[in-house]
Amino acid sequence: QKSDIIAMIAFITALLAFFTSAIILIIDIKQRIKAKEMSSNNTSSKDKTEKITNYNCMNLCIPNKVIIIDIETTGFNINRDSIIELGAIKIENDSVIDTFNTFIKPYEKISDKITQITSITNEMVNDAPKISEVLNDFVHFIGDNVVIAHNANFDLSFISRDCKIFGIDFKPMYIDSVELAQRLVCTENAKLETLAKYYKLEKQTLIIKFIILIILPFII
């Protein structure tokens, strides 16, 4: 649909426009990591050090190509709620090389509360494909690449549930950027809104999320 194409073009344009801010964030977080490493001999938190080290070791095995994913749902209950949007960005050598984005027609109506959170209305998904029609394409888009998501367990649990229903194999290696943010950024929490405010970035539906997701994995 024309409106979807226009929305996608606007999304990609906005994402690319923020890469300058991303560079600033990378420098800032790298400085924080260096400071942590210099004081590592004085830390008494063995578990925390091991977890950071695990991420370091994990990243040594990560190829230059990764997939940033994000979904929206009709609610937070995996037993009754549905996916209403699937989004993914394919990154190779720190550059966007492909995107995947589609609305999904859910089995139930989208509540006013969810519309406030996601900005997705029932009208926007009325003519959208069903999850069964696009899920295989989404999984194929991801392939065997490493997946990165903010609060990954939430996104992947919904995707895995539907893949199981439709007999689609989906067992990706993934990184949760929430855990990385908790270790690397000095904020009260790792919510996207908090991180956006900390870095003085304008809050936009998916842009801030993907900037943070793109940055964190590559600066360990």
C-alpha atoms as a PDB file:
ATOM      1  CA  GLN A   1       0.000   0.000   0.000  1.00  0.00           C
ATOM      2  CA  LYS A   2       1.100   3.528  -0.747  1.00  0.00           C
ATOM      3  CA  SER A   3       0.778   4.626   2.874  1.00  0.00           C
ATOM      4  CA  ASP A   4       2.993   1.749   4.028  1.00  0.00           C
ATOM      5  CA  ILE A   5       5.660   2.652   1.451  1.00  0.00           C
ATOM      6  CA  ILE A   6       5.622   6.294   2.540  1.00  0.00           C
ATOM      7  CA  ALA A   7       5.855   5.270   6.195  1.00  0.00           C
ATOM      8  CA  MET A   8       8.796   2.959   5.454  1.00  0.00           C
ATOM      9  CA  ILE A   9      10.662   5.666   3.501  1.00  0.00           C
ATOM     10  CA  ALA A  10      10.131   8.117   6.352  1.00  0.00           C
ATOM     11  CA  PHE A  11      11.317   5.525   8.854  1.00  0.00           C
ATOM     12  CA  ILE A  12      14.525   4.726   6.978  1.00  0.00           C
ATOM     13  CA  THR A  13      15.249   8.418   6.332  1.00  0.00           C
ATOM     14  CA  ALA A  14      14.855   9.265  10.006  1.00  0.00           C
ATOM     15  CA  LEU A  15      17.030   6.321  11.027  1.00  0.00           C
ATOM     16  CA  LEU A  16      19.885   7.365   8.771  1.00  0.00           C
ATOM     17  CA  ALA A  17      19.601  10.948  10.011  1.00  0.00           C
ATOM     18  CA  PHE A  18      20.365   9.794  13.535  1.00  0.00           C
ATOM     19  CA  PHE A  19      23.648   8.056  12.751  1.00  0.00           C
ATOM     20  CA  THR A  20      25.561  11.226  13.643  1.00  0.00           C
ATOM     21  CA  SER A  21      24.056  11.075  17.121  1.00  0.00           C
ATOM     22  CA  ALA A  22      24.913   7.390  17.210  1.00  0.00           C
ATOM     23  CA  ILE A  23      28.605   8.144  16.775  1.00  0.00           C
ATOM     24  CA  ILE A  24      28.488  10.459  19.778  1.00  0.00           C
ATOM     25  CA  LEU A  25      26.837   7.728  21.818  1.00  0.00           C
ATOM     26  CA  ILE A  26      29.456   5.185  20.815  1.00  0.00           C
ATOM     27  CA  ILE A  27      32.263   7.460  21.974  1.00  0.00           C
ATOM     28  CA  ASP A  28      30.494   8.126  25.266  1.00  0.00           C
ATOM     29  CA  ILE A  29      29.852   4.457  26.033  1.00  0.00           C
ATOM     30  CA  LYS A  30      33.366   3.433  25.007  1.00  0.00           C
ATOM     31  CA  GLN A  31      34.733   5.905  27.529  1.00  0.00           C
ATOM     32  CA  ARG A  32      32.513   4.355  30.193  1.00  0.00           C
ATOM     33  CA  ILE A  33      33.726   0.871  29.314  1.00  0.00           C
ATOM     34  CA  LYS A  34      37.345   2.000  29.530  1.00  0.00           C
ATOM     35  CA  ALA A  35      36.666   3.493  32.952  1.00  0.00           C
ATOM     36  CA  LYS A  36      35.070   0.230  34.098  1.00  0.00           C
ATOM     37  CA  GLU A  37      38.056  -1.780  32.855  1.00  0.00           C
ATOM     38  CA  MET A  38      40.517   0.498  34.683  1.00  0.00           C
ATOM     39  CA  SER A  39      38.649  -0.016  37.946  1.00  0.00           C
ATOM     40  CA  SER A  40      37.934  -3.732  37.433  1.00  0.00           C
ATOM     41  CA  ASN A  41      40.633  -4.772  39.905  1.00  0.00           C
ATOM     42  CA  ASN A  42      38.784  -2.926  42.647  1.00  0.00           C
ATOM     43  CA  THR A  43      35.366  -4.447  42.019  1.00  0.00           C
ATOM     44  CA  SER A  44      33.944  -7.065  44.318  1.00  0.00           C
ATOM     45  CA  SER A  45      31.134  -8.133  41.967  1.00  0.00           C
ATOM     46  CA  LYS A  46      32.475 -11.325  40.430  1.00  0.00           C
ATOM     47  CA  ASP A  47      29.164 -12.257  38.812  1.00  0.00           C
ATOM     48  CA  LYS A  48      28.889  -8.917  37.038  1.00  0.00           C
ATOM     49  CA  THR A  49      32.402  -9.198  35.668  1.00  0.00           C
ATOM     50  CA  GLU A  50      31.716 -12.705  34.413  1.00  0.00           C
ATOM     51  CA  LYS A  51      28.562 -11.576  32.655  1.00  0.00           C
ATOM     52  CA  ILE A  52      30.352  -8.729  30.903  1.00  0.00           C
ATOM     53  CA  THR A  53      33.121 -11.136  29.933  1.00  0.00           C
ATOM     54  CA  ASN A  54      30.556 -13.549  28.590  1.00  0.00           C
ATOM     55  CA  TYR A  55      29.212 -10.845  26.338  1.00  0.00           C
ATOM     56  CA  ASN A  56      32.732 -10.070  25.190  1.00  0.00           C
ATOM     57  CA  CYS A  57      33.351 -13.709  24.312  1.00  0.00           C
ATOM     58  CA  MET A  58      29.975 -13.937  22.649  1.00  0.00           C
ATOM     59  CA  ASN A  59      30.688 -10.926  20.482  1.00  0.00           C
ATOM     60  CA  LEU A  60      33.957 -12.438  19.296  1.00  0.00           C
ATOM     61  CA  CYS A  61      31.834 -15.052  17.531  1.00  0.00           C
ATOM     62  CA  ILE A  62      29.336 -12.586  16.070  1.00  0.00           C
ATOM     63  CA  PRO A  63      29.632 -11.926  12.320  1.00  0.00           C
ATOM     64  CA  ASN A  64      29.501  -8.451  10.833  1.00  0.00           C
ATOM     65  CA  LYS A  65      25.861  -9.015   9.884  1.00  0.00           C
ATOM     66  CA  VAL A  66      23.175  -8.847  12.599  1.00  0.00           C
ATOM     67  CA  ILE A  67      19.401  -8.402  12.696  1.00  0.00           C
ATOM     68  CA  ILE A  68      17.743  -5.797  14.905  1.00  0.00           C
ATOM     69  CA  ILE A  69      14.128  -6.797  15.611  1.00  0.00           C
ATOM     70  CA  ASP A  70      11.136  -5.161  17.216  1.00  0.00           C
ATOM     71  CA  ILE A  71       7.509  -6.219  17.540  1.00  0.00           C
ATOM     72  CA  GLU A  72       4.293  -4.673  18.780  1.00  0.00           C
ATOM     73  CA  THR A  73       1.469  -6.694  20.316  1.00  0.00           C
ATOM     74  CA  THR A  74      -2.134  -6.323  21.485  1.00  0.00           C
ATOM     75  CA  GLY A  75      -0.964  -6.844  25.052  1.00  0.00           C
ATOM     76  CA  PHE A  76       1.637  -8.413  27.285  1.00  0.00           C
ATOM     77  CA  ASN A  77       0.077 -11.839  27.846  1.00  0.00           C
ATOM     78  CA  ILE A  78       1.614 -14.459  25.590  1.00  0.00           C
ATOM     79  CA  ASN A  79      -1.329 -16.782  26.208  1.00  0.00           C
ATOM     80  CA  ARG A  80      -3.955 -14.494  24.718  1.00  0.00           C
ATOM     81  CA  ASP A  81      -2.401 -11.507  22.924  1.00  0.00           C
ATOM     82  CA  SER A  82      -1.296 -11.218  19.289  1.00  0.00           C
ATOM     83  CA  ILE A  83       1.520  -9.634  17.303  1.00  0.00           C
ATOM     84  CA  ILE A  84       0.354  -6.560  15.366  1.00  0.00           C
ATOM     85  CA  GLU A  85       3.665  -5.445  13.862  1.00  0.00           C
ATOM     86  CA  LEU A  86       6.919  -7.130  12.886  1.00  0.00           C
ATOM     87  CA  GLY A  87       9.967  -4.977  12.235  1.00  0.00           C
ATOM     88  CA  ALA A  88      13.587  -5.802  11.499  1.00  0.00           C
ATOM     89  CA  ILE A  89      16.696  -4.061  10.229  1.00  0.00           C
ATOM     90  CA  LYS A  90      19.614  -5.951   8.757  1.00  0.00           C
ATOM     91  CA  ILE A  91      22.982  -4.427   9.638  1.00  0.00           C
ATOM     92  CA  GLU A  92      26.232  -5.349   7.916  1.00  0.00           C
ATOM     93  CA  ASN A  93      29.526  -3.617   8.662  1.00  0.00           C
ATOM     94  CA  ASP A  94      27.624  -0.983  10.680  1.00  0.00           C
ATOM     95  CA  SER A  95      25.399  -0.090   7.710  1.00  0.00           C
ATOM     96  CA  VAL A  96      21.712  -0.725   7.069  1.00  0.00           C
ATOM     97  CA  ILE A  97      21.463  -3.075   4.085  1.00  0.00           C
ATOM     98  CA  ASP A  98      17.833  -4.195   4.292  1.00  0.00           C
ATOM     99  CA  THR A  99      14.620  -3.761   6.276  1.00  0.00           C
ATOM    100  CA  PHE A 100      11.472  -5.742   6.992  1.00  0.00           C
ATOM    101  CA  ASN A 101       8.302  -4.148   8.297  1.00  0.00           C
ATOM    102  CA  THR A 102       4.649  -5.159   8.218  1.00  0.00           C
ATOM    103  CA  PHE A 103       1.495  -4.703  10.212  1.00  0.00           C
ATOM    104  CA  ILE A 104      -0.309  -7.874  11.268  1.00  0.00           C
ATOM    105  CA  LYS A 105      -4.064  -8.341  11.485  1.00  0.00           C
ATOM    106  CA  PRO A 106      -4.636  -9.697  15.018  1.00  0.00           C
ATOM    107  CA  TYR A 107      -7.294 -12.118  16.185  1.00  0.00           C
ATOM    108  CA  GLU A 108      -8.681  -9.537  18.595  1.00  0.00           C
ATOM    109  CA  LYS A 109      -9.317  -5.805  18.573  1.00  0.00           C
ATOM    110  CA  ILE A 110      -6.571  -3.387  19.564  1.00  0.00           C
ATOM    111  CA  SER A 111      -7.489  -1.619  22.791  1.00  0.00           C
ATOM    112  CA  ASP A 112      -7.242   2.145  23.266  1.00  0.00           C
ATOM    113  CA  LYS A 113      -4.458   1.557  25.790  1.00  0.00           C
ATOM    114  CA  ILE A 114      -2.338  -0.363  23.281  1.00  0.00           C
ATOM    115  CA  THR A 115      -3.008   2.271  20.624  1.00  0.00           C
ATOM    116  CA  GLN A 116      -1.655   4.899  23.033  1.00  0.00           C
ATOM    117  CA  ILE A 117       1.477   2.815  23.581  1.00  0.00           C
ATOM    118  CA  THR A 118       2.129   1.713  19.981  1.00  0.00           C
ATOM    119  CA  SER A 119       0.299   4.360  17.909  1.00  0.00           C
ATOM    120  CA  ILE A 120      -1.233   1.456  15.964  1.00  0.00           C
ATOM    121  CA  THR A 121      -5.003   1.559  15.417  1.00  0.00           C
ATOM    122  CA  ASN A 122      -7.501  -1.073  14.338  1.00  0.00           C
ATOM    123  CA  GLU A 123      -7.910   0.774  11.038  1.00  0.00           C
ATOM    124  CA  MET A 124      -4.186   0.399  10.315  1.00  0.00           C
ATOM    125  CA  VAL A 125      -4.327  -3.389  10.595  1.00  0.00           C
ATOM    126  CA  ASN A 126      -7.731  -4.088   9.037  1.00  0.00           C
ATOM    127  CA  ASP A 127      -6.233  -4.882   5.628  1.00  0.00           C
ATOM    128  CA  ALA A 128      -2.920  -6.225   6.949  1.00  0.00           C
ATOM    129  CA  PRO A 129      -1.889  -9.857   6.389  1.00  0.00           C
ATOM    130  CA  LYS A 130      -2.396 -12.483   9.069  1.00  0.00           C
ATOM    131  CA  ILE A 131       0.621 -13.701  11.031  1.00  0.00           C
ATOM    132  CA  SER A 132       0.480 -17.028   9.181  1.00  0.00           C
ATOM    133  CA  GLU A 133       1.007 -15.191   5.880  1.00  0.00           C
ATOM    134  CA  VAL A 134       4.168 -13.302   6.799  1.00  0.00           C
ATOM    135  CA  LEU A 135       5.873 -15.183   9.616  1.00  0.00           C
ATOM    136  CA  ASN A 136       7.842 -17.489   7.339  1.00  0.00           C
ATOM    137  CA  ASP A 137       9.140 -14.496   5.349  1.00  0.00           C
ATOM    138  CA  PHE A 138      10.157 -12.784   8.588  1.00  0.00           C
ATOM    139  CA  VAL A 139      12.065 -15.832   9.821  1.00  0.00           C
ATOM    140  CA  HIS A 140      13.696 -16.187   6.405  1.00  0.00           C
ATOM    141  CA  PHE A 141      14.750 -12.514   6.590  1.00  0.00           C
ATOM    142  CA  ILE A 142      16.488 -13.221   9.901  1.00  0.00           C
ATOM    143  CA  GLY A 143      18.115 -16.414   8.594  1.00  0.00           C
ATOM    144  CA  ASP A 144      20.943 -17.685  10.776  1.00  0.00           C
ATOM    145  CA  ASN A 145      22.071 -14.201  11.805  1.00  0.00           C
ATOM    146  CA  VAL A 146      22.417 -13.046  15.392  1.00  0.00           C
ATOM    147  CA  VAL A 147      19.276 -11.270  16.631  1.00  0.00           C
ATOM    148  CA  ILE A 148      19.383  -8.179  18.824  1.00  0.00           C
ATOM    149  CA  ALA A 149      16.341  -6.876  20.681  1.00  0.00           C
ATOM    150  CA  HIS A 150      15.501  -4.620  23.607  1.00  0.00           C
ATOM    151  CA  ASN A 151      13.874  -6.883  26.212  1.00  0.00           C
ATOM    152  CA  ALA A 152      14.516  -9.776  23.854  1.00  0.00           C
ATOM    153  CA  ASN A 153      12.625 -12.392  25.842  1.00  0.00           C
ATOM    154  CA  PHE A 154       9.359 -10.554  25.242  1.00  0.00           C
ATOM    155  CA  ASP A 155       9.787 -10.231  21.466  1.00  0.00           C
ATOM    156  CA  LEU A 156      11.203 -13.696  20.957  1.00  0.00           C
ATOM    157  CA  SER A 157       8.606 -15.417  23.127  1.00  0.00           C
ATOM    158  CA  PHE A 158       5.767 -14.147  20.924  1.00  0.00           C
ATOM    159  CA  ILE A 159       7.612 -14.962  17.706  1.00  0.00           C
ATOM    160  CA  SER A 160       8.611 -18.411  18.963  1.00  0.00           C
ATOM    161  CA  ARG A 161       5.049 -19.146  20.071  1.00  0.00           C
ATOM    162  CA  ASP A 162       3.638 -18.403  16.614  1.00  0.00           C
ATOM    163  CA  CYS A 163       6.472 -20.256  14.890  1.00  0.00           C
ATOM    164  CA  LYS A 164       5.645 -23.315  16.967  1.00  0.00           C
ATOM    165  CA  ILE A 165       1.964 -23.055  15.992  1.00  0.00           C
ATOM    166  CA  PHE A 166       2.784 -22.942  12.280  1.00  0.00           C
ATOM    167  CA  GLY A 167       5.630 -25.447  12.372  1.00  0.00           C
ATOM    168  CA  ILE A 168       8.403 -22.945  11.596  1.00  0.00           C
ATOM    169  CA  ASP A 169      11.889 -23.577  12.969  1.00  0.00           C
ATOM    170  CA  PHE A 170      13.073 -20.528  14.914  1.00  0.00           C
ATOM    171  CA  LYS A 171      15.918 -20.814  17.405  1.00  0.00           C
ATOM    172  CA  PRO A 172      18.139 -17.772  16.861  1.00  0.00           C
ATOM    173  CA  MET A 173      21.220 -16.779  18.800  1.00  0.00           C
ATOM    174  CA  TYR A 174      20.352 -13.435  20.371  1.00  0.00           C
ATOM    175  CA  ILE A 175      21.540 -10.548  22.517  1.00  0.00           C
ATOM    176  CA  ASP A 176      19.320  -8.554  24.882  1.00  0.00           C
ATOM    177  CA  SER A 177      20.373  -4.917  24.768  1.00  0.00           C
ATOM    178  CA  VAL A 178      18.572  -4.279  28.074  1.00  0.00           C
ATOM    179  CA  GLU A 179      21.226  -6.342  29.852  1.00  0.00           C
ATOM    180  CA  LEU A 180      23.986  -4.492  28.032  1.00  0.00           C
ATOM    181  CA  ALA A 181      22.509  -1.116  28.921  1.00  0.00           C
ATOM    182  CA  GLN A 182      22.230  -2.114  32.579  1.00  0.00           C
ATOM    183  CA  ARG A 183      25.962  -2.809  32.643  1.00  0.00           C
ATOM    184  CA  LEU A 184      27.224   0.041  30.513  1.00  0.00           C
ATOM    185  CA  VAL A 185      24.985   3.053  31.061  1.00  0.00           C
ATOM    186  CA  CYS A 186      24.604   4.916  34.346  1.00  0.00           C
ATOM    187  CA  THR A 187      20.823   5.422  34.369  1.00  0.00           C
ATOM    188  CA  GLU A 188      18.151   4.479  36.910  1.00  0.00           C
ATOM    189  CA  ASN A 189      16.813   1.848  34.510  1.00  0.00           C
ATOM    190  CA  ALA A 190      17.303   0.536  30.977  1.00  0.00           C
ATOM    191  CA  LYS A 191      13.981   1.639  29.533  1.00  0.00           C
ATOM    192  CA  LEU A 192      14.195   3.147  26.068  1.00  0.00           C
ATOM    193  CA  GLU A 193      12.577   6.364  27.270  1.00  0.00           C
ATOM    194  CA  THR A 194      15.179   6.685  30.030  1.00  0.00           C
ATOM    195  CA  LEU A 195      18.074   6.029  27.665  1.00  0.00           C
ATOM    196  CA  ALA A 196      16.689   8.487  25.128  1.00  0.00           C
ATOM    197  CA  LYS A 197      16.363  11.153  27.820  1.00  0.00           C
ATOM    198  CA  TYR A 198      19.858  10.431  29.139  1.00  0.00           C
ATOM    199  CA  TYR A 199      21.378  10.975  25.698  1.00  0.00           C
ATOM    200  CA  LYS A 200      19.060  13.908  24.949  1.00  0.00           C
ATOM    201  CA  LEU A 201      17.635  12.192  21.898  1.00  0.00           C
ATOM    202  CA  GLU A 202      14.243  13.002  20.470  1.00  0.00           C
ATOM    203  CA  LYS A 203      11.796  10.184  21.197  1.00  0.00           C
ATOM    204  CA  GLN A 204      10.423   8.613  18.028  1.00  0.00           C
ATOM    205  CA  THR A 205       8.555   5.341  17.862  1.00  0.00           C
ATOM    206  CA  LEU A 206      11.239   3.050  16.443  1.00  0.00           C
ATOM    207  CA  ILE A 207      14.180   5.299  15.734  1.00  0.00           C
ATOM    208  CA  ILE A 208      15.503   5.624  19.280  1.00  0.00           C
ATOM    209  CA  LYS A 209      15.018   1.926  19.866  1.00  0.00           C
ATOM    210  CA  PHE A 210      17.063   0.890  16.846  1.00  0.00           C
ATOM    211  CA  ILE A 211      19.798   3.443  17.488  1.00  0.00           C
ATOM    212  CA  ILE A 212      20.339   2.015  20.952  1.00  0.00           C
ATOM    213  CA  LEU A 213      20.166  -1.536  19.690  1.00  0.00           C
ATOM    214  CA  ILE A 214      22.654  -0.854  16.897  1.00  0.00           C
ATOM    215  CA  ILE A 215      25.131   0.884  19.156  1.00  0.00           C
ATOM    216  CA  LEU A 216      25.404  -1.345  22.187  1.00  0.00           C
ATOM    217  CA  PRO A 217      26.471  -4.604  20.530  1.00  0.00           C
ATOM    218  CA  PHE A 218      29.285  -3.009  18.550  1.00  0.00           C
ATOM    219  CA  ILE A 219      31.045  -1.187  21.361  1.00  0.00           C
ATOM    220  CA  ILE A 220      31.815  -4.128  23.647  1.00  0.00           C
END
